N, C-alpha and C. Protein backbone atom coordinates (compact mmCIF):
# COMPACT_ATOMS: atom_id res chain seq x y z
N MET A 1 104.23 71.88 72.46
CA MET A 1 104.35 72.65 73.70
C MET A 1 104.55 71.83 75.11
N ASN A 2 105.63 72.20 75.91
CA ASN A 2 105.53 71.83 77.13
C ASN A 2 104.89 72.28 78.36
N LYS A 3 104.56 71.44 79.01
CA LYS A 3 103.90 72.36 80.41
C LYS A 3 104.47 73.63 80.45
N ILE A 4 103.42 74.23 81.24
CA ILE A 4 104.04 76.10 81.63
C ILE A 4 104.06 75.31 83.24
N THR A 5 105.29 75.69 83.61
CA THR A 5 105.60 76.08 85.43
C THR A 5 106.09 77.39 85.65
N TYR A 6 105.64 77.66 87.10
CA TYR A 6 105.52 78.96 87.04
C TYR A 6 107.05 78.87 88.90
N LYS A 7 107.56 79.23 88.75
CA LYS A 7 108.61 79.48 89.90
C LYS A 7 108.49 81.54 90.61
N ASP A 8 108.29 81.24 91.84
CA ASP A 8 108.48 82.83 92.20
C ASP A 8 109.61 82.80 93.62
N PHE A 9 110.21 84.14 93.36
CA PHE A 9 110.72 84.33 94.47
C PHE A 9 110.81 85.88 95.35
N GLU A 10 111.61 85.94 95.95
CA GLU A 10 111.73 87.79 96.97
C GLU A 10 113.19 87.99 96.71
N ASN A 11 114.29 87.04 96.54
CA ASN A 11 115.02 87.45 96.58
C ASN A 11 116.43 86.51 95.17
N GLY A 12 117.16 86.53 94.48
CA GLY A 12 117.79 85.95 93.41
C GLY A 12 118.40 86.43 92.39
N ASP A 13 118.81 85.96 91.65
CA ASP A 13 119.49 85.73 90.39
C ASP A 13 118.05 86.43 89.40
N ILE A 14 118.13 87.73 88.86
CA ILE A 14 117.11 87.77 87.70
C ILE A 14 117.69 87.54 86.49
N SER A 15 118.83 87.36 86.51
CA SER A 15 119.36 87.95 84.85
C SER A 15 118.94 86.90 83.57
N ASN A 16 117.78 86.16 84.16
CA ASN A 16 117.51 85.26 82.97
C ASN A 16 116.39 85.66 82.44
N LEU A 17 116.28 87.15 82.69
CA LEU A 17 114.95 88.04 82.79
C LEU A 17 115.31 88.79 81.97
N LYS A 18 116.63 89.18 81.67
CA LYS A 18 116.90 90.25 80.73
C LYS A 18 116.25 90.04 79.63
N ASP A 19 116.12 89.22 78.37
CA ASP A 19 115.49 89.16 77.55
C ASP A 19 114.19 89.58 77.52
N LEU A 20 113.28 88.81 78.51
CA LEU A 20 111.80 89.42 78.61
C LEU A 20 111.81 90.67 78.93
N CYS A 21 112.66 91.38 79.28
CA CYS A 21 112.12 93.04 79.95
C CYS A 21 112.89 93.56 79.02
N ASP A 22 113.82 93.25 78.40
CA ASP A 22 114.42 93.75 77.06
C ASP A 22 112.97 94.11 76.25
N SER A 23 112.59 93.13 75.72
CA SER A 23 111.17 92.71 74.75
C SER A 23 110.35 93.60 75.39
N LEU A 24 109.93 93.79 76.58
CA LEU A 24 108.46 94.40 77.11
C LEU A 24 109.48 96.01 76.80
N MET A 25 110.30 96.72 77.22
CA MET A 25 111.05 97.68 76.70
C MET A 25 110.47 98.31 75.57
N ARG A 26 111.31 97.75 74.82
CA ARG A 26 110.88 97.58 73.39
C ARG A 26 109.82 97.87 72.93
N PHE A 27 108.58 96.83 73.25
CA PHE A 27 107.35 97.25 72.78
C PHE A 27 106.31 98.34 73.42
N GLN A 28 107.01 98.73 74.80
CA GLN A 28 106.42 99.95 75.21
C GLN A 28 106.67 101.39 74.21
N ALA A 29 108.61 101.28 73.96
CA ALA A 29 108.77 102.06 73.20
C ALA A 29 107.87 102.37 71.57
N GLU A 30 108.11 100.81 71.05
CA GLU A 30 107.25 100.83 69.69
C GLU A 30 105.63 101.64 69.58
N HIS A 31 105.04 101.55 70.78
CA HIS A 31 104.23 101.75 71.02
C HIS A 31 103.56 103.14 72.04
N ALA A 32 104.65 103.80 71.98
CA ALA A 32 104.70 105.22 72.80
C ALA A 32 104.29 105.76 71.85
N LYS A 33 103.27 107.30 72.35
CA LYS A 33 102.69 108.43 71.21
C LYS A 33 103.66 109.55 71.81
N ILE A 34 103.48 109.54 73.12
CA ILE A 34 104.57 110.58 74.20
C ILE A 34 105.79 110.10 74.62
N LYS A 35 106.90 110.68 73.90
CA LYS A 35 108.10 110.74 74.44
C LYS A 35 108.55 109.07 73.99
N PRO A 36 108.27 108.77 72.83
CA PRO A 36 108.80 107.20 72.61
C PRO A 36 110.56 107.24 72.72
N GLU A 37 111.14 108.30 72.72
CA GLU A 37 112.60 107.90 72.90
C GLU A 37 112.82 107.93 74.07
N VAL A 38 112.10 108.45 75.69
CA VAL A 38 112.02 108.17 76.55
C VAL A 38 112.19 106.91 77.37
N MET A 39 111.10 105.77 76.39
CA MET A 39 110.60 104.73 76.58
C MET A 39 111.84 103.44 75.58
N ALA A 40 112.64 104.40 74.84
CA ALA A 40 113.37 103.41 74.11
C ALA A 40 114.58 103.68 74.39
N SER A 41 114.90 104.43 75.66
CA SER A 41 116.49 104.20 76.89
C SER A 41 116.41 103.07 77.48
N MET A 42 115.03 102.71 78.09
CA MET A 42 114.50 102.29 78.99
C MET A 42 115.24 100.40 78.87
N ASN A 43 115.86 99.59 79.26
CA ASN A 43 115.68 98.06 79.44
C ASN A 43 116.13 97.51 81.04
N PHE A 44 116.49 96.39 80.65
CA PHE A 44 116.96 95.78 81.98
C PHE A 44 117.55 96.23 82.81
N ASP A 45 118.75 96.39 82.31
CA ASP A 45 120.15 97.37 83.34
C ASP A 45 119.53 98.50 83.95
N ASN A 46 118.43 99.45 83.22
CA ASN A 46 118.30 100.68 83.46
C ASN A 46 117.20 100.58 84.28
N ARG A 47 115.93 99.51 84.09
CA ARG A 47 114.72 99.44 84.44
C ARG A 47 114.63 98.44 85.40
N LEU A 48 114.60 97.21 85.50
CA LEU A 48 114.32 95.76 86.53
C LEU A 48 115.57 95.70 87.47
N VAL A 49 116.71 96.19 87.16
CA VAL A 49 117.66 95.66 87.84
C VAL A 49 118.32 96.68 88.71
N PRO A 50 117.45 98.33 88.93
CA PRO A 50 117.82 99.24 89.81
C PRO A 50 116.60 98.94 90.62
N ASP A 51 115.35 98.94 89.93
CA ASP A 51 113.88 98.65 90.88
C ASP A 51 114.10 97.25 92.06
N TYR A 52 114.94 96.38 91.21
CA TYR A 52 114.28 94.78 91.86
C TYR A 52 115.36 95.45 92.94
N ASN A 53 116.77 95.90 93.19
CA ASN A 53 117.94 96.08 93.79
C ASN A 53 117.51 97.17 94.85
N ASN A 54 116.74 97.82 94.65
CA ASN A 54 116.57 99.02 95.51
C ASN A 54 115.12 99.13 96.15
N ALA A 55 114.37 97.79 96.15
CA ALA A 55 113.44 97.41 96.91
C ALA A 55 113.57 96.20 97.99
N SER A 56 113.10 96.81 99.43
CA SER A 56 113.59 96.40 100.54
C SER A 56 112.72 94.94 100.49
N ARG A 57 111.35 94.88 99.71
CA ARG A 57 110.72 94.04 99.74
C ARG A 57 109.86 93.78 98.24
N LYS A 58 110.31 92.54 97.81
CA LYS A 58 109.83 92.42 95.93
C LYS A 58 109.40 91.00 96.31
N TYR A 59 108.76 91.05 94.91
CA TYR A 59 108.78 89.63 94.27
C TYR A 59 108.54 89.39 93.34
N ILE A 60 109.31 88.58 92.68
CA ILE A 60 109.40 88.03 90.94
C ILE A 60 108.77 86.95 90.92
N THR A 61 107.50 86.73 89.74
CA THR A 61 106.74 84.77 89.86
C THR A 61 107.41 84.92 88.06
N VAL A 62 107.67 83.43 87.81
CA VAL A 62 108.12 84.01 86.02
C VAL A 62 107.42 82.53 85.78
N ALA A 63 107.15 82.41 84.55
CA ALA A 63 106.67 81.46 83.91
C ALA A 63 107.79 80.86 82.99
N TYR A 64 108.13 79.51 82.97
CA TYR A 64 108.83 78.48 82.15
C TYR A 64 107.83 77.61 81.35
N GLU A 65 108.44 77.75 80.07
CA GLU A 65 108.19 76.20 79.24
C GLU A 65 109.31 75.66 79.11
N GLY A 66 109.59 74.61 80.26
CA GLY A 66 110.92 73.79 80.04
C GLY A 66 111.62 74.69 81.14
N ASP A 67 113.27 74.82 80.63
CA ASP A 67 114.08 75.82 80.98
C ASP A 67 113.64 77.43 80.70
N LYS A 68 112.88 77.32 79.79
CA LYS A 68 112.94 78.88 78.93
C LYS A 68 112.18 79.83 80.04
N PRO A 69 112.70 81.25 80.25
CA PRO A 69 111.64 81.93 80.79
C PRO A 69 110.80 82.73 80.10
N ILE A 70 109.25 82.47 79.70
CA ILE A 70 108.61 82.94 78.57
C ILE A 70 107.71 84.01 79.42
N GLY A 71 108.10 84.41 80.42
CA GLY A 71 106.74 85.79 81.26
C GLY A 71 107.46 85.88 82.57
N PHE A 72 107.11 87.10 83.20
CA PHE A 72 107.11 87.21 84.10
C PHE A 72 106.46 88.47 84.78
N ALA A 73 106.47 88.59 85.92
CA ALA A 73 105.65 89.76 86.76
C ALA A 73 106.67 90.32 87.92
N PHE A 74 106.67 91.17 88.64
CA PHE A 74 107.11 91.43 89.61
C PHE A 74 107.03 92.98 90.00
N ALA A 75 106.80 92.62 91.04
CA ALA A 75 106.14 93.69 92.26
C ALA A 75 106.76 94.23 93.41
N SER A 76 106.69 95.39 94.42
CA SER A 76 107.61 95.73 95.13
C SER A 76 106.31 96.48 96.05
N VAL A 77 106.94 96.34 97.56
CA VAL A 77 106.38 97.16 98.38
C VAL A 77 107.35 97.99 98.95
N GLY A 78 106.49 99.44 99.64
CA GLY A 78 107.55 100.32 100.09
C GLY A 78 107.30 101.07 100.58
N GLU A 79 107.40 102.19 101.24
CA GLU A 79 106.55 103.64 101.94
C GLU A 79 107.42 105.01 100.57
N VAL A 80 105.75 105.60 100.61
CA VAL A 80 105.49 107.14 99.87
C VAL A 80 105.77 107.69 100.69
N THR A 81 107.14 108.88 100.78
CA THR A 81 107.07 110.25 101.54
C THR A 81 106.77 111.33 100.82
N GLU A 82 106.53 112.45 101.33
CA GLU A 82 106.95 113.53 101.17
C GLU A 82 107.53 113.81 99.59
N ASP A 83 108.77 113.12 100.14
CA ASP A 83 109.69 113.63 98.95
C ASP A 83 109.29 112.65 97.99
N ASP A 84 109.05 111.85 97.89
CA ASP A 84 108.25 110.57 96.62
C ASP A 84 106.95 111.41 96.00
N ILE A 85 106.55 112.79 96.70
CA ILE A 85 105.09 113.05 95.74
C ILE A 85 106.03 114.07 95.16
N SER A 86 106.78 114.70 95.74
CA SER A 86 107.52 116.08 94.69
C SER A 86 108.95 115.42 93.98
N GLN A 87 109.02 114.21 93.90
CA GLN A 87 110.13 114.13 93.21
C GLN A 87 109.61 113.96 91.74
N LYS A 88 110.82 114.23 90.62
CA LYS A 88 110.50 114.51 89.27
C LYS A 88 111.49 113.25 88.86
N PRO A 89 111.34 112.45 87.78
CA PRO A 89 112.66 111.35 87.51
C PRO A 89 113.42 112.28 86.60
N ILE A 90 114.67 112.07 86.12
CA ILE A 90 115.43 112.74 85.25
C ILE A 90 115.11 112.99 83.96
N TRP A 91 114.20 111.74 83.38
CA TRP A 91 113.62 111.51 82.54
C TRP A 91 112.52 112.33 81.90
N ALA A 92 111.75 112.91 83.69
CA ALA A 92 110.70 113.79 83.00
C ALA A 92 110.91 115.43 83.59
N GLU A 93 111.96 115.18 83.40
CA GLU A 93 112.17 117.27 83.74
C GLU A 93 111.54 117.85 83.10
N ASP A 94 111.75 117.61 81.69
CA ASP A 94 110.72 118.80 80.84
C ASP A 94 109.69 118.52 80.33
N ILE A 95 108.75 117.45 81.22
CA ILE A 95 107.39 117.13 81.29
C ILE A 95 106.73 117.61 82.24
N ASP A 96 105.61 118.63 82.13
CA ASP A 96 104.61 118.88 83.39
C ASP A 96 103.34 118.29 83.62
N GLY A 97 102.76 118.18 84.66
CA GLY A 97 102.15 117.86 84.97
C GLY A 97 101.68 117.00 86.16
N VAL A 98 100.91 116.24 86.68
CA VAL A 98 101.35 115.36 88.16
C VAL A 98 101.88 114.59 88.12
N GLY A 99 102.34 114.21 89.17
CA GLY A 99 103.59 112.80 89.27
C GLY A 99 103.21 111.51 89.48
N PHE A 100 103.61 110.83 90.25
CA PHE A 100 103.02 109.56 90.22
C PHE A 100 102.12 109.11 91.33
N PHE A 101 101.48 109.99 92.39
CA PHE A 101 100.90 110.03 93.09
C PHE A 101 100.15 111.36 93.08
N PRO A 102 98.57 110.80 93.09
CA PRO A 102 97.86 112.31 92.77
C PRO A 102 97.95 113.61 93.86
N GLU A 103 97.57 114.61 93.72
CA GLU A 103 97.62 115.98 94.70
C GLU A 103 97.11 115.36 95.92
N GLY A 104 97.62 115.90 97.13
CA GLY A 104 96.73 115.66 98.09
C GLY A 104 96.63 113.91 98.73
N TYR A 105 97.64 113.23 97.95
CA TYR A 105 98.31 111.66 98.44
C TYR A 105 98.45 112.09 99.67
N VAL A 106 97.95 111.15 100.37
CA VAL A 106 98.18 111.55 101.87
C VAL A 106 99.59 110.44 102.49
N VAL A 107 100.66 110.94 103.11
CA VAL A 107 101.90 110.54 102.82
C VAL A 107 102.30 111.13 104.25
N PRO A 108 103.32 109.79 105.27
CA PRO A 108 103.77 108.70 104.88
C PRO A 108 102.20 107.39 104.54
N THR A 109 102.68 106.89 103.38
CA THR A 109 102.09 105.47 104.00
C THR A 109 102.62 104.54 103.37
N THR A 110 102.60 103.59 102.68
CA THR A 110 102.66 101.86 102.51
C THR A 110 102.09 101.52 101.47
N ILE A 111 102.54 101.38 100.17
CA ILE A 111 101.56 100.92 99.26
C ILE A 111 102.54 99.55 98.47
N GLY A 112 101.70 98.86 97.84
CA GLY A 112 102.10 97.53 97.01
C GLY A 112 102.10 98.53 95.62
N THR A 113 103.02 98.14 94.61
CA THR A 113 103.25 98.50 93.59
C THR A 113 103.57 97.38 92.13
N TYR A 114 102.47 97.26 91.10
CA TYR A 114 102.95 95.71 90.60
C TYR A 114 103.59 96.59 89.04
N LYS A 115 104.98 96.43 89.36
CA LYS A 115 105.39 96.73 88.57
C LYS A 115 105.87 96.64 87.17
N LEU A 116 105.65 95.33 86.76
CA LEU A 116 106.13 95.11 85.42
C LEU A 116 105.19 93.34 85.01
N LEU A 117 105.21 93.75 84.11
CA LEU A 117 104.30 92.42 83.65
C LEU A 117 104.45 92.45 81.65
N TYR A 118 104.79 91.04 81.38
CA TYR A 118 105.61 90.88 80.17
C TYR A 118 105.09 89.22 80.09
N VAL A 119 104.31 89.10 79.15
CA VAL A 119 104.61 87.34 78.54
C VAL A 119 105.28 87.31 77.14
N ASP A 120 106.35 86.39 76.54
CA ASP A 120 106.60 86.49 75.75
C ASP A 120 105.17 86.15 74.32
N SER A 121 105.32 87.18 73.35
CA SER A 121 104.17 86.99 72.21
C SER A 121 103.76 85.50 71.53
N ASN A 122 104.50 84.79 71.71
CA ASN A 122 104.51 83.42 71.33
C ASN A 122 103.61 82.77 71.97
N TYR A 123 103.47 83.21 72.96
CA TYR A 123 102.74 82.52 74.16
C TYR A 123 101.29 83.42 74.83
N ARG A 124 100.69 83.92 74.24
CA ARG A 124 99.97 85.31 74.90
C ARG A 124 98.68 83.98 74.39
N GLY A 125 97.76 84.51 75.31
CA GLY A 125 96.33 84.13 74.94
C GLY A 125 95.97 82.63 75.44
N LEU A 126 97.50 82.13 76.58
CA LEU A 126 97.08 80.86 77.31
C LEU A 126 97.23 81.04 79.15
N ASN A 127 96.55 82.38 78.83
CA ASN A 127 96.34 82.68 80.47
C ASN A 127 97.44 82.97 81.24
N ILE A 128 98.53 83.14 80.86
CA ILE A 128 99.95 82.96 81.76
C ILE A 128 100.00 84.38 82.20
N GLY A 129 99.46 85.53 81.33
CA GLY A 129 99.49 86.74 82.63
C GLY A 129 98.33 86.75 83.46
N GLY A 130 97.63 86.25 83.20
CA GLY A 130 96.46 85.86 84.59
C GLY A 130 97.13 85.20 85.76
N GLU A 131 97.82 83.97 85.04
CA GLU A 131 98.47 83.51 86.81
C GLU A 131 99.10 84.18 86.69
N LEU A 132 100.39 84.49 86.57
CA LEU A 132 100.72 85.62 86.95
C LEU A 132 100.55 86.83 87.66
N SER A 133 99.72 87.20 87.50
CA SER A 133 98.87 88.53 88.55
C SER A 133 98.30 87.78 89.26
N LYS A 134 97.81 87.01 89.53
CA LYS A 134 96.99 86.37 90.85
C LYS A 134 98.04 86.32 91.53
N MET A 135 99.35 85.88 91.09
CA MET A 135 100.51 85.35 92.60
C MET A 135 100.29 86.52 92.63
N ILE A 136 100.85 87.68 92.27
CA ILE A 136 101.54 88.86 91.88
C ILE A 136 100.45 89.68 92.96
N MET A 137 99.13 89.44 92.91
CA MET A 137 98.20 90.00 93.74
C MET A 137 97.94 89.40 94.79
N LYS A 138 97.79 87.87 95.00
CA LYS A 138 98.05 87.48 96.25
C LYS A 138 99.63 87.71 97.67
N TRP A 139 100.43 88.09 96.51
CA TRP A 139 101.83 88.66 97.10
C TRP A 139 101.53 90.05 97.62
N LEU A 140 100.76 90.90 96.76
CA LEU A 140 100.84 92.32 97.37
C LEU A 140 99.57 92.14 98.35
N ASN A 141 98.42 91.78 98.30
CA ASN A 141 97.81 91.07 99.69
C ASN A 141 98.04 90.91 100.49
N SER A 142 99.29 90.19 100.52
CA SER A 142 99.76 89.28 102.27
C SER A 142 100.18 90.71 103.39
N HIS A 143 100.31 91.56 103.14
CA HIS A 143 101.04 92.20 103.54
C HIS A 143 100.16 93.55 104.83
N ASP A 144 99.81 93.31 105.83
CA ASP A 144 99.24 93.78 106.76
C ASP A 144 99.39 95.30 106.96
N ASP A 145 100.68 96.16 106.33
CA ASP A 145 100.76 97.39 106.30
C ASP A 145 100.57 97.71 104.90
N VAL A 146 100.20 97.72 103.88
CA VAL A 146 99.71 98.17 102.72
C VAL A 146 98.56 98.33 102.94
N GLU A 147 98.40 99.88 102.34
CA GLU A 147 97.08 100.22 102.22
C GLU A 147 96.51 101.00 101.00
N ASP A 148 97.42 101.02 99.79
CA ASP A 148 96.60 101.25 98.31
C ASP A 148 97.65 100.36 97.45
N LEU A 149 97.31 99.87 96.59
CA LEU A 149 98.36 99.10 95.22
C LEU A 149 97.99 99.74 94.20
N TRP A 150 99.05 100.17 93.46
CA TRP A 150 99.33 100.69 91.97
C TRP A 150 99.97 100.04 91.22
N VAL A 151 99.75 100.86 89.75
CA VAL A 151 100.26 100.05 88.64
C VAL A 151 100.05 101.37 87.82
N PHE A 152 101.29 101.34 86.69
CA PHE A 152 101.53 102.47 86.51
C PHE A 152 101.99 102.46 84.50
N VAL A 153 100.85 102.89 83.77
CA VAL A 153 100.84 102.09 82.52
C VAL A 153 101.79 102.94 81.81
N ALA A 154 102.37 102.25 80.82
CA ALA A 154 103.01 103.43 79.60
C ALA A 154 101.85 103.82 78.51
N ASN A 155 102.37 105.02 78.00
CA ASN A 155 101.16 105.82 77.25
C ASN A 155 101.42 104.25 76.21
N GLY A 156 100.07 104.82 75.24
CA GLY A 156 100.52 103.74 74.00
C GLY A 156 99.82 102.11 74.15
N ASN A 157 99.83 101.79 75.32
CA ASN A 157 99.59 100.47 75.93
C ASN A 157 98.13 100.50 76.45
N GLU A 158 97.36 101.01 76.30
CA GLU A 158 96.14 101.05 76.98
C GLU A 158 95.30 99.91 77.13
N GLU A 159 96.00 99.07 75.82
CA GLU A 159 94.88 97.63 76.35
C GLU A 159 95.25 96.63 77.86
N VAL A 160 96.48 97.38 78.23
CA VAL A 160 96.77 96.38 79.08
C VAL A 160 96.11 97.22 80.48
N ALA A 161 95.75 98.30 80.24
CA ALA A 161 94.92 98.75 81.36
C ALA A 161 93.44 97.88 81.77
N LYS A 162 92.75 97.48 80.60
CA LYS A 162 91.70 96.92 80.67
C LYS A 162 91.38 95.75 81.39
N PHE A 163 93.42 94.87 81.12
CA PHE A 163 93.71 94.01 81.63
C PHE A 163 93.63 94.17 83.78
N TYR A 164 94.37 95.31 84.16
CA TYR A 164 94.64 95.36 84.78
C TYR A 164 93.41 95.86 85.98
N GLU A 165 92.41 96.16 85.68
CA GLU A 165 90.94 96.86 85.59
C GLU A 165 90.42 95.47 86.03
N LYS A 166 90.45 94.41 85.31
CA LYS A 166 89.86 93.04 86.01
C LYS A 166 90.33 92.26 87.09
N TYR A 167 91.37 92.95 87.59
CA TYR A 167 92.08 93.23 89.38
C TYR A 167 91.54 94.24 89.95
N GLY A 168 90.86 94.92 89.95
CA GLY A 168 90.28 95.97 90.66
C GLY A 168 90.93 97.37 90.42
N PHE A 169 91.91 97.55 89.55
CA PHE A 169 92.37 98.92 89.54
C PHE A 169 91.61 99.63 88.89
N ASN A 170 91.36 100.82 89.29
CA ASN A 170 90.82 101.99 88.50
C ASN A 170 91.52 102.96 88.32
N HIS A 171 91.15 103.82 87.31
CA HIS A 171 92.27 104.92 87.16
C HIS A 171 92.37 106.16 87.97
N SER A 172 93.02 106.55 88.22
CA SER A 172 93.85 107.16 89.05
C SER A 172 93.76 108.44 88.90
N HIS A 173 94.95 109.07 87.70
CA HIS A 173 95.55 110.43 86.74
C HIS A 173 96.17 109.93 85.74
N SER A 174 96.54 110.77 84.99
CA SER A 174 98.07 110.77 84.64
C SER A 174 98.90 111.23 84.85
N VAL A 175 100.17 110.58 84.37
CA VAL A 175 101.44 110.83 85.15
C VAL A 175 102.09 112.23 84.24
N PHE A 176 102.44 113.19 84.60
CA PHE A 176 103.79 113.61 83.41
C PHE A 176 102.41 114.12 82.57
N SER A 177 101.46 114.29 82.14
CA SER A 177 100.49 114.80 81.32
C SER A 177 100.22 113.58 80.32
N GLY A 178 99.96 112.30 80.48
CA GLY A 178 99.85 111.62 79.94
C GLY A 178 100.93 110.51 79.68
N PHE A 179 102.10 110.66 80.05
CA PHE A 179 103.05 109.84 79.67
C PHE A 179 103.08 108.42 80.10
N ILE A 180 102.54 108.33 81.36
CA ILE A 180 102.16 106.92 82.10
C ILE A 180 100.77 107.41 82.46
N GLU A 181 99.48 106.28 82.63
CA GLU A 181 98.49 106.72 83.47
C GLU A 181 98.99 105.68 84.76
N ALA A 182 98.41 106.12 85.89
CA ALA A 182 98.15 105.70 86.88
C ALA A 182 96.57 104.65 87.46
N TYR A 183 96.74 103.73 87.93
CA TYR A 183 95.49 103.02 88.86
C TYR A 183 95.92 102.61 89.41
N THR A 184 94.68 102.84 90.55
CA THR A 184 95.06 102.39 91.87
C THR A 184 93.86 101.13 92.32
N ARG A 185 93.82 100.62 93.76
CA ARG A 185 93.10 100.66 94.32
C ARG A 185 93.01 100.19 95.79
N LYS A 186 92.31 99.79 96.48
CA LYS A 186 92.91 99.35 97.87
C LYS A 186 93.59 98.09 98.32
N ALA A 187 93.98 97.74 99.36
CA ALA A 187 94.56 96.15 99.34
C ALA A 187 93.95 95.56 99.92
N ILE A 188 93.24 94.80 99.68
CA ILE A 188 92.59 92.69 100.34
C ILE A 188 93.32 92.59 101.27
N ARG A 189 92.61 93.35 102.88
CA ARG A 189 93.04 92.18 104.20
C ARG A 189 92.72 90.87 104.24
N ARG A 190 93.33 90.26 104.54
CA ARG A 190 92.98 88.78 104.77
C ARG A 190 92.73 88.20 105.93
N ILE A 191 91.61 87.97 106.23
CA ILE A 191 91.45 87.47 107.70
C ILE A 191 91.40 86.15 107.95
N SER A 192 92.46 85.39 108.72
CA SER A 192 92.87 84.05 108.98
C SER A 192 91.94 84.00 109.97
């Protein structure tokens, strides 16, 4: 195995992440207990590309073995408004329950969201996810206007929730009756 290197960016071409993102979406669909067909419909083109293109502040870090991407993490920063609280994605139209943010969540507010993390199965156990997460958390906590950090875990992927708990995330609530589990924590202010 070659040395693992990491590259990060806030803007640029993400097409080299297609295979990794599609693998993540397949993994989530295979493990989903609630509405696996919804998970199965998600892929690079309708999940990562729109999230990346629509985020004004975004960050991706990629792990490479040589020139081959073997893992990535994606985060964004943005404002949550009253519309976001009441908005329901098309895929959730027939699912009851609380949305992405809990009832009574005070808006408007600026949040950081740890959107995606995936490491190729051949490279797990090498702390690549940990290195990617350290970089993501440093970036998320570098924004003075961010109050809360969020991560949303797909149903059937409970093991990854334990991973996020190592970074201080705590369970907040079930999104759309358990289709997704929401975890949150306060942002850490850096004192210069």
